[in-house]
Protein backbone atom coordinates (compact mmCIF):
# COMPACT_ATOMS: atom_id res chain seq x y z
CA MET A 1 0.16 0.15 -0.10
CA ARG A 2 1.46 3.43 -1.55
CA VAL A 3 1.16 6.23 1.32
CA PRO A 4 0.41 9.57 -0.09
CA ALA A 5 2.94 12.36 0.34
CA HIS A 6 1.47 14.40 2.34
CA ARG A 7 1.06 11.50 4.69
CA SER A 8 4.60 10.11 4.75
CA LEU A 9 6.26 9.88 7.93
CA VAL A 10 9.67 11.13 5.82
CA VAL A 11 7.70 14.31 4.35
CA ARG A 12 6.37 14.91 7.68
CA LEU A 13 10.25 14.56 9.51
CA LEU A 14 11.90 16.58 6.69
CA ALA A 15 9.20 19.60 7.48
CA THR A 16 9.29 19.59 10.80
CA SER A 17 12.92 19.59 10.44
CA THR A 18 12.82 22.56 8.41
CA VAL A 19 10.70 24.34 10.24
CA ILE A 20 12.55 23.99 13.82
CA VAL A 21 15.97 25.05 11.96
CA ILE A 22 14.40 28.03 10.39
CA CYS A 23 13.12 28.99 13.83
CA ALA A 24 16.26 28.08 14.85
CA ILE A 25 18.34 30.44 13.29
CA ALA A 26 15.58 33.55 13.02
CA ALA A 27 15.39 33.20 17.21
CA THR A 28 19.32 32.91 17.15
CA ALA A 29 19.39 36.25 14.57
CA TRP A 30 17.12 37.62 17.12
CA LEU A 31 18.70 37.19 19.93
CA THR A 32 21.89 38.84 19.24
CA VAL A 33 20.36 41.65 18.55
CA ARG A 34 18.40 41.98 21.71
CA ILE A 35 21.29 40.89 23.79
CA THR A 36 23.66 43.06 21.67
CA THR A 37 20.88 46.26 22.23
CA ARG A 38 20.22 45.55 25.80
CA ASP A 39 23.86 45.75 26.59
CA VAL A 40 24.03 49.35 24.87
CA VAL A 41 21.44 50.32 26.65
CA GLN A 42 22.37 49.17 29.98
CA GLU A 43 25.65 51.15 29.45
CA PRO A 44 24.18 54.52 31.44
CA GLY A 45 22.78 52.45 34.10
CA ARG A 46 26.70 51.05 34.44
CA THR A 47 27.99 54.22 34.11
CA LEU A 48 25.94 54.98 37.23
CA SER A 49 26.57 52.16 39.01
CA ALA A 50 30.22 53.42 38.86
CA ASP A 51 29.54 56.68 39.70
CA THR A 52 27.89 55.31 43.10
CA ASP A 53 30.97 53.15 43.91
CA VAL A 54 33.04 56.42 43.84
CA TYR A 55 30.80 58.80 45.57
CA ASN A 56 30.69 55.84 48.50
CA ALA A 57 34.56 55.51 48.11
CA PHE A 58 34.85 59.40 49.02
CA ILE A 59 31.74 59.19 51.66
CA ALA A 60 34.18 56.20 53.19
CA HIS A 61 37.24 58.51 53.89
CA ALA A 62 35.36 61.83 55.25
CA ALA A 63 33.77 59.57 57.17
CA THR A 64 37.25 58.01 58.80
CA HIS A 65 38.89 61.28 58.33
CA PRO A 66 38.97 65.08 59.79
CA THR A 67 40.38 66.20 56.91
CA TRP A 68 40.96 65.33 52.84
CA ASP A 69 44.73 64.07 53.22
CA GLY A 70 45.28 61.18 51.09
CA ALA A 71 42.32 61.62 48.66
CA ALA A 72 44.61 61.97 45.57
CA ASP A 73 45.74 59.08 45.85
CA THR A 74 42.09 57.40 46.23
CA VAL A 75 41.47 60.08 43.32
CA ARG A 76 44.20 58.66 41.07
CA ARG A 77 43.10 55.09 41.75
CA LEU A 78 39.18 55.41 41.24
CA ALA A 79 39.98 57.21 37.95
CA SER A 80 42.37 54.59 36.71
CA LEU A 81 39.56 51.86 37.28
CA THR A 82 36.51 53.84 36.05
CA GLY A 83 38.83 55.88 32.85
CA ARG A 84 37.05 59.18 33.46
CA ARG A 85 38.68 62.17 35.00
CA ILE A 86 37.55 62.25 38.84
CA ALA A 87 38.00 65.54 40.53
CA LEU A 88 37.24 66.66 44.51
CA THR A 89 37.25 70.52 45.35
CA THR A 90 35.94 72.71 48.46
CA GLU A 91 32.60 73.89 48.33
CA ASP A 92 34.22 77.19 46.92
CA ARG A 93 35.43 75.10 44.43
CA GLN A 94 39.53 75.45 45.65
CA VAL A 95 40.75 71.84 44.14
CA ILE A 96 41.34 69.03 46.64
CA ALA A 97 42.56 66.51 44.09
CA ASP A 98 42.32 66.13 40.19
CA SER A 99 43.15 63.16 38.34
CA SER A 100 43.38 65.64 34.99
CA PRO A 101 44.50 69.09 36.71
CA GLY A 102 44.65 71.90 34.07
CA VAL A 103 41.07 71.44 32.87
CA PRO A 104 39.44 74.50 34.19
CA LEU A 105 35.99 73.06 36.48
CA GLN A 106 34.48 76.65 36.81
CA HIS A 107 31.33 75.83 35.03
CA VAL A 108 31.40 72.53 35.61
CA ARG A 109 28.23 71.10 37.15
CA PRO A 110 29.09 68.56 40.22
CA SER A 111 28.05 65.32 40.63
CA ALA A 112 27.66 65.16 44.16
CA LEU A 113 28.50 66.57 47.38
CA VAL A 114 30.51 64.63 49.17
CA ASP A 115 29.38 65.26 52.94
CA PRO A 116 28.88 62.05 55.27
CA LEU A 117 26.57 64.08 57.31
CA HIS A 118 24.32 64.81 54.50
CA LEU A 119 24.39 61.58 52.67
CA ASP A 120 22.70 61.71 48.79
CA ALA A 121 19.92 59.17 49.30
CA ALA A 122 20.24 58.67 45.70
CA LEU A 123 23.87 57.50 45.45
CA ALA A 124 24.37 56.29 49.11
CA ARG A 125 24.68 52.72 50.21
CA ASN A 126 23.58 50.93 53.18
CA SER A 127 22.72 53.82 55.06
CA ALA A 128 19.10 54.07 57.05
CA GLY A 129 19.74 57.83 57.34
CA ARG A 130 20.93 60.84 56.32
CA ILE A 131 24.11 60.64 58.62
CA ASP A 132 26.76 57.84 57.69
CA PRO A 133 27.08 55.37 60.33
CA ARG A 134 30.59 55.23 59.91
CA VAL A 135 31.19 58.49 61.83
CA VAL A 136 31.86 57.82 64.92
CA GLY A 137 33.41 60.85 66.73
CA PRO A 138 33.63 60.68 70.66
CA TYR A 139 31.46 57.61 70.82
CA HIS A 140 34.39 55.12 70.80
CA ILE A 141 34.42 52.91 73.73
CA THR A 142 37.64 51.21 75.07
CA ASP A 143 38.02 47.56 74.70
CA ASP A 144 37.23 46.35 78.27
CA GLU A 145 33.89 48.04 77.50
CA ARG A 146 33.43 46.14 74.36
CA GLU A 147 33.86 42.89 76.18
CA TYR A 148 31.39 44.06 78.98
CA LEU A 149 28.81 44.66 76.49
CA ARG A 150 29.55 41.72 74.42
CA ARG A 151 29.00 39.66 77.31
CA ILE A 152 25.40 41.53 77.58
CA ALA A 153 25.04 40.69 74.18
CA GLY A 154 25.61 37.18 74.39
CA SER A 155 23.33 36.83 77.29
CA GLU A 156 20.43 38.49 75.41
CA VAL A 157 21.18 36.39 72.43
CA GLN A 158 20.75 33.22 74.36
CA CYS A 159 17.07 34.45 75.98
CA PHE A 160 16.26 35.08 72.16
CA ARG A 161 17.30 31.45 71.30
CA ASP A 162 15.66 29.35 74.22
CA ALA A 163 12.25 31.28 73.14
CA ARG A 164 12.90 30.23 69.96
CA VAL A 165 13.49 33.41 68.21
CA ALA A 166 17.04 33.74 65.79
CA ALA A 167 18.94 36.55 66.87
CA GLU A 168 22.72 37.51 66.47
CA VAL A 169 25.55 39.99 67.57
CA ILE A 170 26.59 42.52 65.30
CA ASP A 171 29.46 45.42 65.87
CA THR A 172 28.40 48.88 65.36
CA PRO A 173 32.07 50.87 63.62
CA SER A 174 31.65 52.57 67.34
CA GLY A 175 32.97 49.09 68.89
CA ARG A 176 29.52 48.91 70.41
CA PRO A 177 27.73 45.57 70.23
CA THR A 178 24.34 45.00 69.71
CA VAL A 179 21.51 42.87 69.14
CA ARG A 180 19.55 41.81 65.80
CA LEU A 181 16.83 40.13 65.12
CA LEU A 182 16.26 37.86 62.08
CA SER A 183 12.39 36.96 62.63
CA ALA A 184 9.75 39.73 63.50
CA ASP A 185 8.77 37.89 66.76
CA ASP A 186 9.73 40.20 69.69
CA SER A 187 7.43 39.59 72.27
CA THR A 188 9.84 37.15 74.50
CA GLY A 189 10.22 39.63 77.48
CA CYS A 190 14.24 39.63 76.75
CA ARG A 191 14.26 43.24 76.35
CA PRO A 192 15.03 46.05 77.62
CA SER A 193 18.16 44.64 78.80
CA LYS A 194 21.74 46.54 80.28
CA LEU A 195 22.54 46.72 77.04
CA GLU A 196 20.81 50.24 76.24
CA LEU A 197 22.34 52.01 79.22
CA PRO A 198 25.59 53.64 78.37
CA VAL A 199 29.45 52.78 79.01
CA GLU A 200 31.83 55.20 80.79
CA SER A 201 33.30 56.40 77.62
CA GLU A 202 29.77 57.62 75.97
CA LYS A 203 28.28 59.13 79.06
CA VAL A 204 29.61 62.91 78.67
CA PRO A 205 29.07 62.77 75.20
CA LEU A 206 25.51 61.67 75.32
CA ALA A 207 24.93 63.85 78.19
CA GLN A 208 26.01 66.84 76.16
CA LEU A 209 24.04 65.23 73.30
CA GLY A 210 20.88 65.21 75.31
CA ARG A 211 21.53 68.85 76.66
CA GLN A 212 22.15 70.29 73.36
CA VAL A 213 18.77 68.19 71.97
CA THR A 214 16.49 69.28 75.39
CA GLU A 215 17.30 73.32 74.03
CA CYS A 216 16.62 72.81 70.68
CA ALA A 217 13.30 70.80 71.51
CA GLY A 218 12.24 72.82 74.42
CA MET A 219 11.68 69.43 76.59
CA PRO A 220 13.44 67.45 78.71
CA VAL A 221 15.11 65.03 76.30
CA SER A 222 17.80 61.83 76.83
CA VAL A 223 19.63 60.23 74.23
CA THR A 224 20.35 56.32 74.05
CA PRO A 225 23.58 54.81 73.15
CA THR A 226 21.84 53.62 70.10
CA PHE A 227 20.67 57.70 69.47
CA ALA A 228 17.39 56.88 70.28
CA LEU A 229 15.12 59.53 72.82
CA ARG A 230 12.99 59.12 75.60
CA PHE A 231 10.94 62.11 75.89
CA THR A 232 7.25 62.97 75.96
CA GLY A 233 5.24 64.71 73.76
CA PRO A 234 5.46 65.02 69.71
CA ALA A 235 8.10 63.23 67.80
CA GLU A 236 8.47 65.29 65.22
CA THR A 237 10.97 68.33 66.84
CA PRO A 238 12.67 66.30 68.81
CA LEU A 239 13.77 64.02 66.31
CA ARG A 240 14.73 66.72 63.78
CA CYS A 241 16.36 68.45 66.73
CA LEU A 242 18.17 64.99 67.34
CA GLU A 243 19.51 65.05 63.52
CA ASP A 244 20.95 68.86 63.70
CA SER A 245 22.55 68.12 67.44
CA ARG A 246 24.13 65.04 65.58
CA ARG A 247 25.74 66.84 62.78
CA ASP A 248 26.70 69.65 65.16
CA GLN A 249 28.84 66.97 67.49
CA LEU A 250 30.16 65.49 65.08
CA ARG A 251 31.59 67.91 62.49
CA PRO A 252 34.82 68.35 64.31
CA TYR A 253 35.74 64.62 63.49
CA VAL A 254 34.75 64.48 59.80
CA ALA A 255 36.19 65.88 56.52
CA PRO A 256 34.52 68.89 55.25
CA PRO A 257 31.72 68.96 52.51
CA ALA A 258 33.86 68.77 49.25
CA LEU A 259 32.31 69.01 45.65
CA LEU A 260 32.83 65.50 43.56
CA PHE A 261 32.93 65.70 39.92
CA ILE A 262 33.30 62.83 37.68
CA THR A 263 33.28 63.70 33.93
CA GLY A 264 33.74 61.64 30.40
CA PRO A 265 31.96 60.81 27.76
CA PRO A 266 28.60 62.32 27.65
CA ARG A 267 25.90 59.89 28.50
CA LEU A 268 23.91 58.96 25.57
CA ALA A 269 20.47 60.20 25.57
CA ASP A 270 18.96 57.86 23.43
CA PRO A 271 19.43 54.10 23.23
CA PRO A 272 21.03 53.10 20.22
CA THR A 273 19.71 50.42 17.81
CA VAL A 274 21.71 47.64 16.24
CA SER A 275 20.72 46.16 12.99
CA LEU A 276 22.20 43.53 10.27
CA SER A 277 23.60 45.15 7.55
CA GLY A 278 23.62 43.38 4.17
CA ALA A 279 26.68 41.30 4.23
CA ASN A 280 25.54 40.06 7.54
CA THR A 281 22.20 39.07 6.36
CA THR A 282 23.82 37.48 3.55
CA GLN A 283 25.70 35.00 5.82
CA VAL A 284 22.62 34.61 7.77
CA VAL A 285 21.20 33.57 4.42
CA ALA A 286 24.02 31.34 3.40
CA MET A 287 24.35 29.66 6.31
CA THR A 288 20.46 29.45 6.98
CA LEU A 289 21.29 27.29 3.64
CA VAL A 290 23.76 25.10 4.65
CA VAL A 291 22.11 24.16 7.87
CA LEU A 292 18.80 23.51 5.65
CA ALA A 293 20.63 20.90 3.56
CA VAL A 294 22.83 19.12 6.19
CA ALA A 295 19.34 18.89 7.70
CA PHE A 296 17.20 17.75 4.63
CA THR A 297 19.75 15.32 3.87
CA ALA A 298 19.84 14.05 7.58
CA THR A 299 15.97 13.72 7.44
CA VAL A 300 15.88 11.84 4.55
CA LEU A 301 18.64 9.38 5.90
CA ALA A 302 17.01 8.79 9.11
CA GLY A 303 13.64 8.84 7.55
CA ARG A 304 14.21 5.86 5.37
CA ARG A 305 16.12 4.01 8.16
CA LEU A 306 13.03 4.63 10.13
CA VAL A 307 10.17 3.81 7.56
CA ARG A 308 11.64 0.51 6.48
CA PRO A 309 10.77 -1.53 9.35
CA LEU A 310 7.45 -0.16 9.85
CA ARG A 311 6.79 -1.16 6.09
CA LEU A 312 7.99 -5.08 7.16
CA LEU A 313 6.11 -4.54 10.20
CA THR A 314 2.55 -3.25 7.87
CA ALA A 315 3.39 -6.07 5.48
CA ALA A 316 3.22 -8.39 7.97
CA ALA A 317 0.32 -7.21 9.81
CA SER A 318 -1.52 -7.32 6.20
CA SER A 319 -1.00 -10.98 5.58
CA PRO A 320 -2.91 -13.50 6.07
CA ALA A 321 -3.36 -14.76 10.07
CA ASP A 322 -2.08 -18.42 8.73
CA GLN A 323 0.58 -17.14 7.22
CA HIS A 324 2.12 -14.88 9.96
CA GLY A 325 5.74 -14.97 10.75
CA ARG A 326 8.60 -13.58 12.35
CA VAL A 327 9.66 -10.20 11.51
CA ASP A 328 13.17 -9.26 12.04
CA VAL A 329 13.99 -5.15 11.38
CA GLY A 330 17.46 -6.06 12.56
CA SER A 331 17.24 -2.88 15.35
CA ARG A 332 16.89 -2.65 19.18
CA ASP A 333 15.01 0.67 19.27
CA GLU A 334 11.80 1.57 20.03
CA ILE A 335 10.34 -0.50 16.42
CA GLY A 336 12.69 -3.50 17.06
CA HIS A 337 10.66 -3.61 20.68
CA LEU A 338 7.58 -3.12 18.75
CA ALA A 339 8.71 -6.03 16.33
CA ALA A 340 9.38 -8.35 19.25
CA ALA A 341 6.14 -7.28 20.34
CA PHE A 342 4.47 -8.05 17.36
CA ASN A 343 5.91 -11.66 17.07
CA ASP A 344 5.09 -11.98 20.29
CA LEU A 345 1.46 -11.40 19.62
CA ALA A 346 1.42 -13.47 16.21
CA GLU A 347 2.84 -16.30 18.30
CA ARG A 348 0.39 -16.25 20.78
CA ARG A 349 -2.36 -15.83 18.33
CA SER A 350 -1.61 -18.83 16.36
CA GLN A 351 -1.23 -20.61 19.91
CA LEU A 352 -4.92 -19.23 20.67
CA GLU A 353 -5.85 -20.64 17.18
CA ARG A 354 -4.53 -23.89 17.98
CA GLN A 355 -6.28 -23.94 21.44
CA ARG A 356 -9.72 -22.88 20.03
CA LYS A 357 -9.75 -25.57 17.24
CA ALA A 358 -8.57 -28.09 20.02
CA MET A 359 -11.16 -27.10 22.12
CA VAL A 360 -13.84 -27.11 19.47
CA ASN A 361 -12.77 -30.93 18.83
CA ASP A 362 -12.58 -31.56 22.20
CA VAL A 363 -16.21 -30.32 23.13
CA ALA A 364 -17.33 -32.34 20.17
CA HIS A 365 -16.02 -35.06 21.26
CA GLU A 366 -17.35 -35.05 25.22
CA LEU A 367 -20.84 -34.50 23.58
CA ARG A 368 -20.79 -36.66 20.83
CA THR A 369 -20.25 -39.88 22.98
CA PRO A 370 -23.38 -39.52 25.58
CA LEU A 371 -25.40 -38.10 22.53
CA THR A 372 -24.39 -41.07 20.67
CA ASN A 373 -25.49 -43.72 23.33
CA ILE A 374 -28.67 -41.72 23.86
CA ARG A 375 -29.25 -41.81 20.44
CA THR A 376 -28.61 -45.70 19.75
CA TRP A 377 -31.14 -46.84 22.94
CA LEU A 378 -33.90 -44.31 21.58
CA GLU A 379 -33.55 -46.15 18.08
CA ALA A 380 -33.19 -49.18 19.75
CA VAL A 381 -36.52 -48.93 21.54
CA ARG A 382 -38.06 -47.42 18.32
CA ASP A 383 -37.34 -50.06 16.22
CA GLY A 384 -38.61 -52.85 18.97
CA VAL A 385 -35.18 -53.96 19.23
CA THR A 386 -35.20 -53.12 23.03
CA ALA A 387 -37.76 -53.01 25.71
CA PRO A 388 -37.77 -49.79 27.12
CA ASP A 389 -37.27 -51.62 30.60
CA PRO A 390 -35.54 -49.72 34.15
CA ALA A 391 -32.47 -50.57 32.63
CA VAL A 392 -32.67 -48.88 29.74
CA LEU A 393 -34.18 -45.94 31.45
CA ASP A 394 -31.63 -45.63 33.95
CA LEU A 395 -28.60 -45.88 31.41
CA LEU A 396 -30.44 -42.81 29.26
CA VAL A 397 -30.97 -41.41 32.55
CA GLU A 398 -27.14 -41.49 33.25
CA GLU A 399 -26.35 -40.25 30.02
CA SER A 400 -28.16 -36.92 30.27
CA VAL A 401 -27.16 -36.32 33.49
CA LEU A 402 -23.59 -36.76 32.35
CA LEU A 403 -24.30 -34.06 29.04
CA GLN A 404 -25.68 -31.58 31.41
CA HIS A 405 -22.52 -32.09 33.57
CA ILE A 406 -20.92 -31.09 31.00
CA ILE A 407 -23.07 -28.38 30.07
CA ASP A 408 -22.51 -27.16 33.27
CA ASP A 409 -18.32 -27.28 33.40
CA LEU A 410 -18.81 -25.25 29.77
CA ARG A 411 -21.20 -22.67 31.67
CA ASP A 412 -18.90 -22.29 34.49
CA LEU A 413 -15.56 -21.59 32.24
CA ALA A 414 -17.37 -19.51 30.01
CA ALA A 415 -18.21 -17.03 32.93
CA ALA A 416 -15.07 -17.31 34.15
CA ASP A 417 -13.46 -16.27 31.04
CA ALA A 418 -16.21 -13.48 31.00
CA GLY A 419 -15.02 -12.61 34.26
CA ASN A 420 -18.83 -13.09 35.26
CA LEU A 421 -18.12 -16.02 37.61
CA ARG A 422 -19.52 -14.59 40.80
CA VAL A 423 -18.76 -15.98 44.80
CA HIS A 424 -20.98 -15.24 47.32
CA PRO A 425 -18.80 -14.80 50.57
CA GLU A 426 -20.30 -15.83 54.03
CA PRO A 427 -18.71 -16.74 57.40
CA ALA A 428 -18.52 -21.06 57.52
CA TYR A 429 -17.27 -23.55 59.22
CA VAL A 430 -15.09 -25.23 56.98
CA GLU A 431 -14.98 -28.61 59.26
CA ASP A 432 -18.57 -29.12 58.50
CA ILE A 433 -18.28 -28.37 54.71
CA LEU A 434 -15.02 -30.73 53.93
CA THR A 435 -16.93 -32.97 56.06
CA GLN A 436 -19.89 -32.63 53.64
CA VAL A 437 -17.84 -33.44 50.78
CA VAL A 438 -16.07 -36.30 52.18
CA ASP A 439 -19.33 -38.20 52.86
CA ALA A 440 -20.86 -37.09 49.51
CA HIS A 441 -17.76 -39.05 48.25
CA ARG A 442 -17.21 -41.65 50.38
CA GLY A 443 -19.97 -44.29 48.46
CA ALA A 444 -17.39 -43.52 45.14
CA ALA A 445 -14.68 -44.60 46.52
CA ASP A 446 -15.93 -47.63 48.73
CA ALA A 447 -17.00 -48.63 44.86
CA GLY A 448 -13.85 -48.18 43.73
CA GLY A 449 -11.94 -49.69 46.58
CA VAL A 450 -10.53 -46.81 47.77
CA THR A 451 -10.32 -45.20 51.59
CA CYS A 452 -11.28 -41.57 52.00
CA VAL A 453 -9.74 -40.06 55.38
CA LEU A 454 -10.64 -35.95 56.49
CA ASP A 455 -7.73 -34.62 58.63
CA THR A 456 -8.78 -30.94 60.20
CA ALA A 457 -7.35 -28.68 62.00
CA GLY A 458 -10.01 -27.48 64.62
CA ASP A 459 -13.08 -26.34 63.04
CA PRO A 460 -11.93 -22.48 62.21
CA VAL A 461 -14.57 -20.16 60.48
CA VAL A 462 -13.50 -18.71 57.76
CA ARG A 463 -15.62 -15.90 55.26
CA LEU A 464 -15.99 -17.75 52.03
CA ASP A 465 -18.70 -19.33 49.62
CA PRO A 466 -19.64 -22.66 51.05
CA VAL A 467 -21.03 -23.74 48.16
CA ARG A 468 -18.23 -23.06 45.64
CA LEU A 469 -15.92 -24.62 48.22
CA ARG A 470 -17.50 -27.51 48.40
CA GLN A 471 -17.47 -27.44 44.01
CA VAL A 472 -13.84 -27.31 44.53
CA VAL A 473 -12.89 -29.60 47.19
CA GLY A 474 -15.22 -32.10 45.55
CA ASN A 475 -13.59 -31.93 41.98
CA LEU A 476 -10.10 -32.43 43.40
CA LEU A 477 -11.45 -35.17 45.40
CA THR A 478 -13.25 -36.84 42.34
CA ASN A 479 -10.27 -36.73 40.39
CA ALA A 480 -8.20 -38.20 43.31
CA ILE A 481 -10.73 -41.05 43.84
CA ARG A 482 -10.44 -41.44 40.00
CA HIS A 483 -7.03 -42.34 39.60
CA THR A 484 -6.34 -44.16 43.19
CA PRO A 485 -6.22 -47.85 42.70
CA ARG A 486 -7.81 -50.20 44.86
CA GLY A 487 -6.53 -49.99 48.22
CA GLY A 488 -5.58 -46.73 48.01
CA THR A 489 -6.17 -43.66 50.61
CA VAL A 490 -7.03 -40.29 49.71
CA THR A 491 -6.68 -37.83 52.54
CA VAL A 492 -8.38 -34.42 52.76
CA ARG A 493 -6.73 -31.68 55.31
CA SER A 494 -7.10 -28.59 56.35
CA ARG A 495 -5.15 -26.11 58.06
CA LEU A 496 -5.51 -22.66 58.76
CA THR A 497 -2.23 -19.90 58.62
CA ALA A 498 -1.58 -16.10 59.30
CA ASP A 499 -3.41 -14.93 56.31
CA ALA A 500 -4.99 -17.96 54.18
CA LEU A 501 -6.83 -21.13 54.71
CA ILE A 502 -4.95 -23.81 52.93
CA VAL A 503 -6.99 -27.63 52.34
CA ASP A 504 -4.52 -30.42 50.40
CA VAL A 505 -6.17 -32.81 48.62
CA THR A 506 -3.15 -35.94 48.65
CA ASP A 507 -3.85 -39.08 47.07
CA ASP A 508 -1.30 -42.67 46.67
CA GLY A 509 -1.64 -42.77 43.18
CA ALA A 510 0.33 -43.40 40.33
CA GLY A 511 1.00 -39.75 39.97
CA ILE A 512 1.92 -37.45 37.10
CA ALA A 513 5.11 -36.91 35.06
CA ALA A 514 7.26 -33.82 35.19
CA ALA A 515 6.37 -33.64 31.48
CA ASP A 516 2.66 -33.75 31.93
CA LEU A 517 2.30 -31.31 35.62
CA PRO A 518 2.12 -27.98 33.99
CA ARG A 519 -0.92 -28.65 32.09
CA VAL A 520 -3.21 -30.71 34.31
CA PHE A 521 -4.91 -27.51 34.67
CA ASP A 522 -5.81 -27.42 30.63
CA ARG A 523 -9.19 -27.93 30.05
CA PHE A 524 -9.89 -31.21 28.24
CA TRP A 525 -6.76 -32.51 29.08
CA ARG A 526 -6.49 -35.93 30.43
CA ALA A 527 -3.03 -37.79 30.70
CA ASP A 528 -4.98 -40.62 29.19
CA GLY A 529 -4.07 -40.37 25.98
CA SER A 530 -6.75 -42.75 24.62
CA ARG A 531 -9.41 -40.42 26.04
CA SER A 532 -11.03 -43.47 27.96
CA ARG A 533 -13.64 -42.39 30.61
CA THR A 534 -12.70 -45.29 32.63
CA THR A 535 -9.02 -43.61 33.43
CA GLY A 536 -10.19 -39.96 33.13
CA GLY A 537 -13.81 -37.77 33.31
CA SER A 538 -14.53 -34.96 31.25
CA GLY A 539 -11.07 -32.90 32.05
CA LEU A 540 -12.84 -30.11 33.00
CA GLY A 541 -12.74 -30.49 36.78
CA LEU A 542 -9.67 -29.25 37.64
CA PRO A 543 -9.52 -26.01 35.52
CA ILE A 544 -13.15 -25.23 36.99
CA ALA A 545 -11.52 -26.25 40.60
CA ARG A 546 -8.74 -23.32 39.84
CA GLN A 547 -10.90 -20.75 37.96
CA LEU A 548 -13.28 -20.92 41.54
CA ALA A 549 -10.79 -20.08 43.83
CA ARG A 550 -9.10 -17.55 41.53
CA ALA A 551 -12.63 -16.28 41.67
CA HIS A 552 -12.29 -16.43 45.92
CA GLY A 553 -8.70 -14.11 45.43
CA GLY A 554 -6.56 -17.68 45.99
CA ASP A 555 -5.29 -20.75 43.77
CA VAL A 556 -4.87 -24.26 43.35
CA THR A 557 -1.68 -25.59 42.92
CA ALA A 558 -0.08 -29.29 42.08
CA THR A 559 2.72 -31.45 42.89
CA SER A 560 3.34 -35.03 42.12
CA THR A 561 5.58 -38.01 42.10
CA PRO A 562 5.57 -40.87 40.09
CA GLY A 563 4.86 -43.77 41.43
CA LYS A 564 4.10 -42.33 44.75
CA GLY A 565 1.11 -40.18 44.28
CA SER A 566 -0.03 -36.46 44.08
CA THR A 567 -1.06 -33.22 46.17
CA PHE A 568 -3.73 -30.69 44.85
CA THR A 569 -3.45 -27.89 47.18
CA VAL A 570 -6.59 -25.30 47.55
CA SER A 571 -5.34 -22.15 48.88
CA LEU A 572 -7.96 -19.01 50.03
CA PRO A 573 -7.45 -15.74 51.48
CA ARG A 574 -9.03 -15.35 55.32
């Protein structure tokens, strides 16, 4: 069967790979343009970041030095790193340090005012206020005071940890340790502590600062070592006075305000764009054609290799059922697994077909014998050859019962195959059921000279279908009596394990050959090849017993030793 071109797997693979290649090349070109444009657009941002680094470097110097001595080295270093001119002047534009002296700065707009007591919020980093925290001034504490405060801080952190609140000790620029909570929960009662009290080195400057704030605010105010206020009344005025008073107190300890100039290439007002030139476009098109050619060739080769085993499988599947053979695609990929599954399916189909034919022959054979006997005797009575005496009627009834028994067995097997074999479990006494089964078969056993023995472990109550259990054990018992010679013994034993009821039916007959043991549960199978009823029944008892046990969630298994007998074991879940 020829596949249309638009449905061919090779064509579809080729179209898919072509679309993928085109999209990949287009996406690569677009991404290149986007990345280049983005880098150019981000250049002003990087310039601003460099300006911020320069500003914070001078803030750090001013916060820790009372003068600008040594600033020239910082100016030269930063100018070398940024590639731009950096200059530092006083507020009246007297040059303090300049990386490119000689060019006047009188009419150049300064980039920022460097004053650690008046930080630029847009440029300053790691600062929660307008005063740089590195400006310590008169608040340096001694080493002994630092150790004392660290012990207090450690006790406070331990208190928080005992209350399952995360906290840590950090040191401020003055050397004073403080406790910082790592969570928002501060309802532990671990504060206030001695950590908020000033040490000896801080008392004089804090008192001086408190007097200045009080004089400014017009109300009694005290200042803590963390520069928190204690007062009564509106907060706006004391807070403003605190900031102004701190600047007055710290001014002698920082460098004077200075103007910072950062000059260089002008910043771009309009972000540039990048586009492909004619030469670049030609190169992209040429590369696209090359990639398309490679993709086309690879797809065709891969598609032909992929389609060949599929065509073999299609041809094998389209052949008549009786001509199915194994298909060898010569690969171990997914298609190879598909071929293996196809071969397995074909083998199982052939096996099922053989079993179906054998079953039809077996059913016809099993039904033919009783029907032939009934017809023969009825014709003999009709023709007057035989009188319809009780013996003939008994014979006809016996053949009819046998025929009915075969039909009932076939119905049970059909129900099991269709999944309609139902059981009705209920609490039942196992010993009573087994006693009934053995008693019911004792007559047949006595007629054959076989002794039936029942051996039960107590009288347990198990939830199961008593009718079906009698049927299972009855089938096994019938089979055992039939294959036990005169003078032999058939024993029915029951025992209860932690999760199952076990019933064993054991005989001391001829046993079953090891080669025949796997087939004892096949339908219509009998070890006697002559198919005579003297040594075998219909061949349905054991299959039905297994199906009934499996309907309970259990199973029937068989073990045998030739010359010593066989044991059939029923296992049902409790």
